[in-house]
PDB file of all heavy atoms in Angstrom:
ATOM      1  N   ILE A   1       9.561   1.795  12.484  1.00  0.00           N
ATOM      2  CA  ILE A   1       9.036   0.477  12.443  1.00  0.00           C
ATOM      3  C   ILE A   1       8.203   0.225  11.203  1.00  0.00           C
ATOM      4  O   ILE A   1       8.324  -0.874  10.559  1.00  0.00           O
ATOM      5  CB  ILE A   1       8.061   0.227  13.753  1.00  0.00           C
ATOM      6  CG1 ILE A   1       8.953   0.232  14.970  1.00  0.00           C
ATOM      7  CG2 ILE A   1       7.325  -1.031  13.600  1.00  0.00           C
ATOM      8  CD1 ILE A   1       9.969  -0.982  15.069  1.00  0.00           C
ATOM      9  N   MET A   2       7.370   1.266  10.866  1.00  0.00           N
ATOM     10  CA  MET A   2       6.553   1.048   9.612  1.00  0.00           C
ATOM     11  C   MET A   2       7.494   0.961   8.403  1.00  0.00           C
ATOM     12  O   MET A   2       7.287   0.160   7.471  1.00  0.00           O
ATOM     13  CB  MET A   2       5.722   2.296   9.429  1.00  0.00           C
ATOM     14  CG  MET A   2       4.538   2.329  10.405  1.00  0.00           C
ATOM     15  SD  MET A   2       3.730   3.962  10.448  1.00  0.00           S
ATOM     16  CE  MET A   2       3.162   4.098   8.816  1.00  0.00           C
ATOM     17  N   PHE A   3       8.539   1.750   8.405  1.00  0.00           N
ATOM     18  CA  PHE A   3       9.517   1.743   7.241  1.00  0.00           C
ATOM     19  C   PHE A   3      10.161   0.339   7.141  1.00  0.00           C
ATOM     20  O   PHE A   3      10.235  -0.265   6.057  1.00  0.00           O
ATOM     21  CB  PHE A   3      10.582   2.779   7.460  1.00  0.00           C
ATOM     22  CG  PHE A   3      11.645   2.768   6.400  1.00  0.00           C
ATOM     23  CD1 PHE A   3      11.417   3.237   5.097  1.00  0.00           C
ATOM     24  CD2 PHE A   3      12.950   2.308   6.691  1.00  0.00           C
ATOM     25  CE1 PHE A   3      12.343   3.235   4.175  1.00  0.00           C
ATOM     26  CE2 PHE A   3      13.897   2.319   5.677  1.00  0.00           C
ATOM     27  CZ  PHE A   3      13.619   2.732   4.409  1.00  0.00           C
ATOM     28  N   LEU A   4      10.628  -0.192   8.267  1.00  0.00           N
ATOM     29  CA  LEU A   4      11.272  -1.462   8.328  1.00  0.00           C
ATOM     30  C   LEU A   4      10.274  -2.627   7.924  1.00  0.00           C
ATOM     31  O   LEU A   4      10.704  -3.545   7.190  1.00  0.00           O
ATOM     32  CB  LEU A   4      11.881  -1.745   9.642  1.00  0.00           C
ATOM     33  CG  LEU A   4      13.049  -0.976  10.057  1.00  0.00           C
ATOM     34  CD1 LEU A   4      13.426  -1.169  11.502  1.00  0.00           C
ATOM     35  CD2 LEU A   4      14.236  -1.198   9.148  1.00  0.00           C
ATOM     36  N   ASP A   5       9.082  -2.473   8.369  1.00  0.00           N
ATOM     37  CA  ASP A   5       8.021  -3.450   7.963  1.00  0.00           C
ATOM     38  C   ASP A   5       7.853  -3.546   6.426  1.00  0.00           C
ATOM     39  O   ASP A   5       7.787  -4.533   5.803  1.00  0.00           O
ATOM     40  CB  ASP A   5       6.673  -3.126   8.656  1.00  0.00           C
ATOM     41  CG  ASP A   5       5.553  -4.062   8.166  1.00  0.00           C
ATOM     42  OD1 ASP A   5       5.651  -5.272   8.385  1.00  0.00           O
ATOM     43  OD2 ASP A   5       4.597  -3.574   7.661  1.00  0.00           O
ATOM     44  N   LEU A   6       7.815  -2.298   5.805  1.00  0.00           N
ATOM     45  CA  LEU A   6       7.606  -2.273   4.406  1.00  0.00           C
ATOM     46  C   LEU A   6       8.857  -2.844   3.674  1.00  0.00           C
ATOM     47  O   LEU A   6       8.739  -3.524   2.669  1.00  0.00           O
ATOM     48  CB  LEU A   6       7.464  -0.823   3.952  1.00  0.00           C
ATOM     49  CG  LEU A   6       6.134  -0.266   4.260  1.00  0.00           C
ATOM     50  CD1 LEU A   6       6.069   1.265   3.974  1.00  0.00           C
ATOM     51  CD2 LEU A   6       4.999  -0.880   3.457  1.00  0.00           C
ATOM     52  N   GLN A   7      10.115  -2.595   4.240  1.00  0.00           N
ATOM     53  CA  GLN A   7      11.333  -3.111   3.636  1.00  0.00           C
ATOM     54  C   GLN A   7      11.381  -4.637   3.678  1.00  0.00           C
ATOM     55  O   GLN A   7      12.035  -5.237   2.844  1.00  0.00           O
ATOM     56  CB  GLN A   7      12.512  -2.463   4.245  1.00  0.00           C
ATOM     57  CG  GLN A   7      12.617  -0.968   4.003  1.00  0.00           C
ATOM     58  CD  GLN A   7      12.575  -0.598   2.601  1.00  0.00           C
ATOM     59  OE1 GLN A   7      13.320  -1.053   1.819  1.00  0.00           O
ATOM     60  NE2 GLN A   7      11.575   0.234   2.217  1.00  0.00           N
ATOM     61  N   LEU A   8      10.731  -5.232   4.650  1.00  0.00           N
ATOM     62  CA  LEU A   8      10.882  -6.687   4.835  1.00  0.00           C
ATOM     63  C   LEU A   8       9.736  -7.466   4.039  1.00  0.00           C
ATOM     64  O   LEU A   8       9.707  -8.691   4.022  1.00  0.00           O
ATOM     65  CB  LEU A   8      10.705  -7.059   6.275  1.00  0.00           C
ATOM     66  CG  LEU A   8      11.870  -6.549   7.119  1.00  0.00           C
ATOM     67  CD1 LEU A   8      11.570  -6.859   8.629  1.00  0.00           C
ATOM     68  CD2 LEU A   8      13.138  -7.381   6.799  1.00  0.00           C
ATOM     69  N   ARG A   9       8.933  -6.766   3.268  1.00  0.00           N
ATOM     70  CA  ARG A   9       7.887  -7.374   2.438  1.00  0.00           C
ATOM     71  C   ARG A   9       8.496  -7.740   1.070  1.00  0.00           C
ATOM     72  O   ARG A   9       9.083  -6.916   0.474  1.00  0.00           O
ATOM     73  CB  ARG A   9       6.618  -6.483   2.406  1.00  0.00           C
ATOM     74  CG  ARG A   9       6.013  -6.221   3.661  1.00  0.00           C
ATOM     75  CD  ARG A   9       4.748  -5.390   3.436  1.00  0.00           C
ATOM     76  NE  ARG A   9       4.214  -4.992   4.700  1.00  0.00           N
ATOM     77  CZ  ARG A   9       3.108  -4.246   4.918  1.00  0.00           C
ATOM     78  NH1 ARG A   9       2.425  -3.903   3.795  1.00  0.00           N
ATOM     79  NH2 ARG A   9       2.590  -3.896   6.075  1.00  0.00           N
ATOM     80  N   PHE A  10       8.296  -8.927   0.621  1.00  0.00           N
ATOM     81  CA  PHE A  10       8.848  -9.357  -0.630  1.00  0.00           C
ATOM     82  C   PHE A  10       7.789  -9.951  -1.531  1.00  0.00           C
ATOM     83  O   PHE A  10       7.950 -10.884  -2.220  1.00  0.00           O
ATOM     84  CB  PHE A  10       9.916 -10.434  -0.395  1.00  0.00           C
ATOM     85  CG  PHE A  10      11.118  -9.854   0.315  1.00  0.00           C
ATOM     86  CD1 PHE A  10      11.270 -10.038   1.717  1.00  0.00           C
ATOM     87  CD2 PHE A  10      12.095  -9.132  -0.363  1.00  0.00           C
ATOM     88  CE1 PHE A  10      12.381  -9.558   2.356  1.00  0.00           C
ATOM     89  CE2 PHE A  10      13.208  -8.633   0.293  1.00  0.00           C
ATOM     90  CZ  PHE A  10      13.360  -8.786   1.696  1.00  0.00           C
ATOM     91  N   PHE A  11       6.576  -9.421  -1.495  1.00  0.00           N
ATOM     92  CA  PHE A  11       5.524  -9.851  -2.330  1.00  0.00           C
ATOM     93  C   PHE A  11       4.712  -8.666  -2.865  1.00  0.00           C
ATOM     94  O   PHE A  11       4.695  -7.559  -2.230  1.00  0.00           O
ATOM     95  CB  PHE A  11       4.596 -10.766  -1.514  1.00  0.00           C
ATOM     96  CG  PHE A  11       4.163 -10.332  -0.177  1.00  0.00           C
ATOM     97  CD1 PHE A  11       3.090  -9.421  -0.021  1.00  0.00           C
ATOM     98  CD2 PHE A  11       4.859 -10.645   0.954  1.00  0.00           C
ATOM     99  CE1 PHE A  11       2.711  -8.965   1.203  1.00  0.00           C
ATOM    100  CE2 PHE A  11       4.514 -10.200   2.180  1.00  0.00           C
ATOM    101  CZ  PHE A  11       3.388  -9.354   2.307  1.00  0.00           C
ATOM    102  N   PRO A  12       4.047  -8.811  -3.925  1.00  0.00           N
ATOM    103  CA  PRO A  12       3.297  -7.758  -4.600  1.00  0.00           C
ATOM    104  C   PRO A  12       2.040  -7.454  -3.789  1.00  0.00           C
ATOM    105  O   PRO A  12       1.421  -8.365  -3.227  1.00  0.00           O
ATOM    106  CB  PRO A  12       2.973  -8.231  -5.971  1.00  0.00           C
ATOM    107  CG  PRO A  12       2.955  -9.733  -5.825  1.00  0.00           C
ATOM    108  CD  PRO A  12       3.965 -10.063  -4.767  1.00  0.00           C
ATOM    109  N   GLU A  13       1.577  -6.168  -3.762  1.00  0.00           N
ATOM    110  CA  GLU A  13       0.361  -5.836  -3.001  1.00  0.00           C
ATOM    111  C   GLU A  13      -0.414  -4.895  -3.857  1.00  0.00           C
ATOM    112  O   GLU A  13       0.106  -3.966  -4.510  1.00  0.00           O
ATOM    113  CB  GLU A  13       0.775  -5.199  -1.632  1.00  0.00           C
ATOM    114  CG  GLU A  13       1.290  -6.114  -0.629  1.00  0.00           C
ATOM    115  CD  GLU A  13       1.510  -5.511   0.724  1.00  0.00           C
ATOM    116  OE1 GLU A  13       1.877  -4.326   0.757  1.00  0.00           O
ATOM    117  OE2 GLU A  13       1.251  -6.132   1.764  1.00  0.00           O
ATOM    118  N   ILE A  14      -1.709  -4.832  -3.668  1.00  0.00           N
ATOM    119  CA  ILE A  14      -2.602  -3.846  -4.185  1.00  0.00           C
ATOM    120  C   ILE A  14      -3.370  -3.302  -3.009  1.00  0.00           C
ATOM    121  O   ILE A  14      -3.994  -4.014  -2.211  1.00  0.00           O
ATOM    122  CB  ILE A  14      -3.620  -4.351  -5.159  1.00  0.00           C
ATOM    123  CG1 ILE A  14      -2.858  -4.985  -6.430  1.00  0.00           C
ATOM    124  CG2 ILE A  14      -4.559  -3.332  -5.644  1.00  0.00           C
ATOM    125  CD1 ILE A  14      -3.848  -5.540  -7.420  1.00  0.00           C
ATOM    126  N   THR A  15      -3.257  -1.992  -2.838  1.00  0.00           N
ATOM    127  CA  THR A  15      -3.944  -1.301  -1.689  1.00  0.00           C
ATOM    128  C   THR A  15      -4.929  -0.231  -2.250  1.00  0.00           C
ATOM    129  O   THR A  15      -4.509   0.627  -3.095  1.00  0.00           O
ATOM    130  CB  THR A  15      -2.954  -0.564  -0.764  1.00  0.00           C
ATOM    131  OG1 THR A  15      -2.028  -1.517  -0.333  1.00  0.00           O
ATOM    132  CG2 THR A  15      -3.630   0.046   0.398  1.00  0.00           C
ATOM    133  N   PHE A  16      -6.132  -0.361  -1.859  1.00  0.00           N
ATOM    134  CA  PHE A  16      -7.182   0.645  -2.275  1.00  0.00           C
ATOM    135  C   PHE A  16      -7.225   1.678  -1.148  1.00  0.00           C
ATOM    136  O   PHE A  16      -7.724   1.444  -0.093  1.00  0.00           O
ATOM    137  CB  PHE A  16      -8.583  -0.042  -2.502  1.00  0.00           C
ATOM    138  CG  PHE A  16      -8.515  -0.957  -3.657  1.00  0.00           C
ATOM    139  CD1 PHE A  16      -8.139  -2.273  -3.549  1.00  0.00           C
ATOM    140  CD2 PHE A  16      -8.928  -0.439  -4.907  1.00  0.00           C
ATOM    141  CE1 PHE A  16      -8.118  -3.157  -4.623  1.00  0.00           C
ATOM    142  CE2 PHE A  16      -8.976  -1.388  -6.016  1.00  0.00           C
ATOM    143  CZ  PHE A  16      -8.541  -2.699  -5.913  1.00  0.00           C
ATOM    144  N   LEU A  17      -6.599   2.867  -1.466  1.00  0.00           N
ATOM    145  CA  LEU A  17      -6.498   3.872  -0.455  1.00  0.00           C
ATOM    146  C   LEU A  17      -7.847   4.566  -0.210  1.00  0.00           C
ATOM    147  O   LEU A  17      -8.606   4.854  -1.173  1.00  0.00           O
ATOM    148  CB  LEU A  17      -5.486   4.900  -0.927  1.00  0.00           C
ATOM    149  CG  LEU A  17      -4.052   4.347  -1.127  1.00  0.00           C
ATOM    150  CD1 LEU A  17      -3.175   5.443  -1.669  1.00  0.00           C
ATOM    151  CD2 LEU A  17      -3.514   3.797   0.176  1.00  0.00           C
ATOM    152  N   ASN A  18      -8.154   4.797   1.038  1.00  0.00           N
ATOM    153  CA  ASN A  18      -9.521   5.463   1.418  1.00  0.00           C
ATOM    154  C   ASN A  18      -9.411   6.945   1.235  1.00  0.00           C
ATOM    155  O   ASN A  18      -9.037   7.701   2.220  1.00  0.00           O
ATOM    156  CB  ASN A  18      -9.798   5.076   2.839  1.00  0.00           C
ATOM    157  CG  ASN A  18     -11.180   5.531   3.265  1.00  0.00           C
ATOM    158  OD1 ASN A  18     -11.907   6.096   2.407  1.00  0.00           O
ATOM    159  ND2 ASN A  18     -11.537   5.399   4.507  1.00  0.00           N
ATOM    160  N   VAL A  19      -9.712   7.382   0.045  1.00  0.00           N
ATOM    161  CA  VAL A  19      -9.693   8.793  -0.256  1.00  0.00           C
ATOM    162  C   VAL A  19     -11.160   9.337  -0.406  1.00  0.00           C
ATOM    163  O   VAL A  19     -11.276  10.506  -0.896  1.00  0.00           O
ATOM    164  CB  VAL A  19      -8.929   9.086  -1.554  1.00  0.00           C
ATOM    165  CG1 VAL A  19      -7.483   8.789  -1.412  1.00  0.00           C
ATOM    166  CG2 VAL A  19      -9.551   8.289  -2.726  1.00  0.00           C
ATOM    167  N   GLY A  20     -12.107   8.677   0.129  1.00  0.00           N
ATOM    168  CA  GLY A  20     -13.460   9.094   0.048  1.00  0.00           C
ATOM    169  C   GLY A  20     -14.075   8.808  -1.327  1.00  0.00           C
ATOM    170  O   GLY A  20     -13.839   7.760  -1.849  1.00  0.00           O
ATOM    171  N   GLN A  21     -14.878   9.747  -1.826  1.00  0.00           N
ATOM    172  CA  GLN A  21     -15.601   9.510  -3.086  1.00  0.00           C
ATOM    173  C   GLN A  21     -14.542   9.712  -4.281  1.00  0.00           C
ATOM    174  O   GLN A  21     -14.426  10.783  -4.830  1.00  0.00           O
ATOM    175  CB  GLN A  21     -16.778  10.460  -3.271  1.00  0.00           C
ATOM    176  CG  GLN A  21     -17.569  10.287  -4.549  1.00  0.00           C
ATOM    177  CD  GLN A  21     -18.354   9.012  -4.584  1.00  0.00           C
ATOM    178  OE1 GLN A  21     -18.455   8.333  -3.578  1.00  0.00           O
ATOM    179  NE2 GLN A  21     -18.691   8.619  -5.788  1.00  0.00           N
ATOM    180  N   GLY A  22     -13.849   8.698  -4.572  1.00  0.00           N
ATOM    181  CA  GLY A  22     -12.806   8.779  -5.651  1.00  0.00           C
ATOM    182  C   GLY A  22     -12.012   7.522  -5.602  1.00  0.00           C
ATOM    183  O   GLY A  22     -12.193   6.642  -4.765  1.00  0.00           O
ATOM    184  N   ASP A  23     -11.009   7.430  -6.544  1.00  0.00           N
ATOM    185  CA  ASP A  23     -10.160   6.266  -6.604  1.00  0.00           C
ATOM    186  C   ASP A  23      -8.729   6.671  -6.360  1.00  0.00           C
ATOM    187  O   ASP A  23      -8.242   7.708  -6.814  1.00  0.00           O
ATOM    188  CB  ASP A  23     -10.216   5.652  -8.007  1.00  0.00           C
ATOM    189  CG  ASP A  23     -11.492   4.796  -8.195  1.00  0.00           C
ATOM    190  OD1 ASP A  23     -12.256   4.655  -7.345  1.00  0.00           O
ATOM    191  OD2 ASP A  23     -11.709   4.233  -9.293  1.00  0.00           O
ATOM    192  N   ALA A  24      -7.986   5.796  -5.731  1.00  0.00           N
ATOM    193  CA  ALA A  24      -6.588   5.890  -5.614  1.00  0.00           C
ATOM    194  C   ALA A  24      -6.106   4.459  -5.241  1.00  0.00           C
ATOM    195  O   ALA A  24      -6.379   3.942  -4.188  1.00  0.00           O
ATOM    196  CB  ALA A  24      -6.127   6.877  -4.497  1.00  0.00           C
ATOM    197  N   ILE A  25      -5.388   3.861  -6.116  1.00  0.00           N
ATOM    198  CA  ILE A  25      -4.948   2.468  -5.994  1.00  0.00           C
ATOM    199  C   ILE A  25      -3.410   2.445  -6.019  1.00  0.00           C
ATOM    200  O   ILE A  25      -2.757   2.786  -7.001  1.00  0.00           O
ATOM    201  CB  ILE A  25      -5.549   1.638  -7.171  1.00  0.00           C
ATOM    202  CG1 ILE A  25      -7.036   1.835  -7.160  1.00  0.00           C
ATOM    203  CG2 ILE A  25      -5.163   0.180  -7.043  1.00  0.00           C
ATOM    204  CD1 ILE A  25      -7.730   1.249  -8.456  1.00  0.00           C
ATOM    205  N   LEU A  26      -2.809   1.919  -4.958  1.00  0.00           N
ATOM    206  CA  LEU A  26      -1.397   1.834  -4.886  1.00  0.00           C
ATOM    207  C   LEU A  26      -0.928   0.375  -5.004  1.00  0.00           C
ATOM    208  O   LEU A  26      -1.383  -0.531  -4.352  1.00  0.00           O
ATOM    209  CB  LEU A  26      -0.961   2.318  -3.473  1.00  0.00           C
ATOM    210  CG  LEU A  26       0.562   2.488  -3.252  1.00  0.00           C
ATOM    211  CD1 LEU A  26       1.108   3.515  -4.164  1.00  0.00           C
ATOM    212  CD2 LEU A  26       0.860   2.808  -1.760  1.00  0.00           C
ATOM    213  N   ILE A  27      -0.012   0.174  -5.960  1.00  0.00           N
ATOM    214  CA  ILE A  27       0.506  -1.164  -6.267  1.00  0.00           C
ATOM    215  C   ILE A  27       1.922  -1.251  -6.023  1.00  0.00           C
ATOM    216  O   ILE A  27       2.747  -0.413  -6.456  1.00  0.00           O
ATOM    217  CB  ILE A  27       0.164  -1.483  -7.775  1.00  0.00           C
ATOM    218  CG1 ILE A  27      -1.341  -1.515  -7.938  1.00  0.00           C
ATOM    219  CG2 ILE A  27       0.790  -2.835  -8.167  1.00  0.00           C
ATOM    220  CD1 ILE A  27      -1.784  -1.778  -9.405  1.00  0.00           C
ATOM    221  N   SER A  28       2.355  -2.246  -5.228  1.00  0.00           N
ATOM    222  CA  SER A  28       3.757  -2.410  -4.843  1.00  0.00           C
ATOM    223  C   SER A  28       4.307  -3.634  -5.536  1.00  0.00           C
ATOM    224  O   SER A  28       3.683  -4.551  -5.833  1.00  0.00           O
ATOM    225  CB  SER A  28       3.939  -2.459  -3.295  1.00  0.00           C
ATOM    226  OG  SER A  28       3.356  -3.689  -2.848  1.00  0.00           O
TER     227      SER A  28
END
């Protein structure tokens, strides 16, 4: 379900991943 949800998205996203004291930014 999660995989299909991602496949049906057709817009750019920026996600700031919660990695604690640090940075990890995922851009789709």
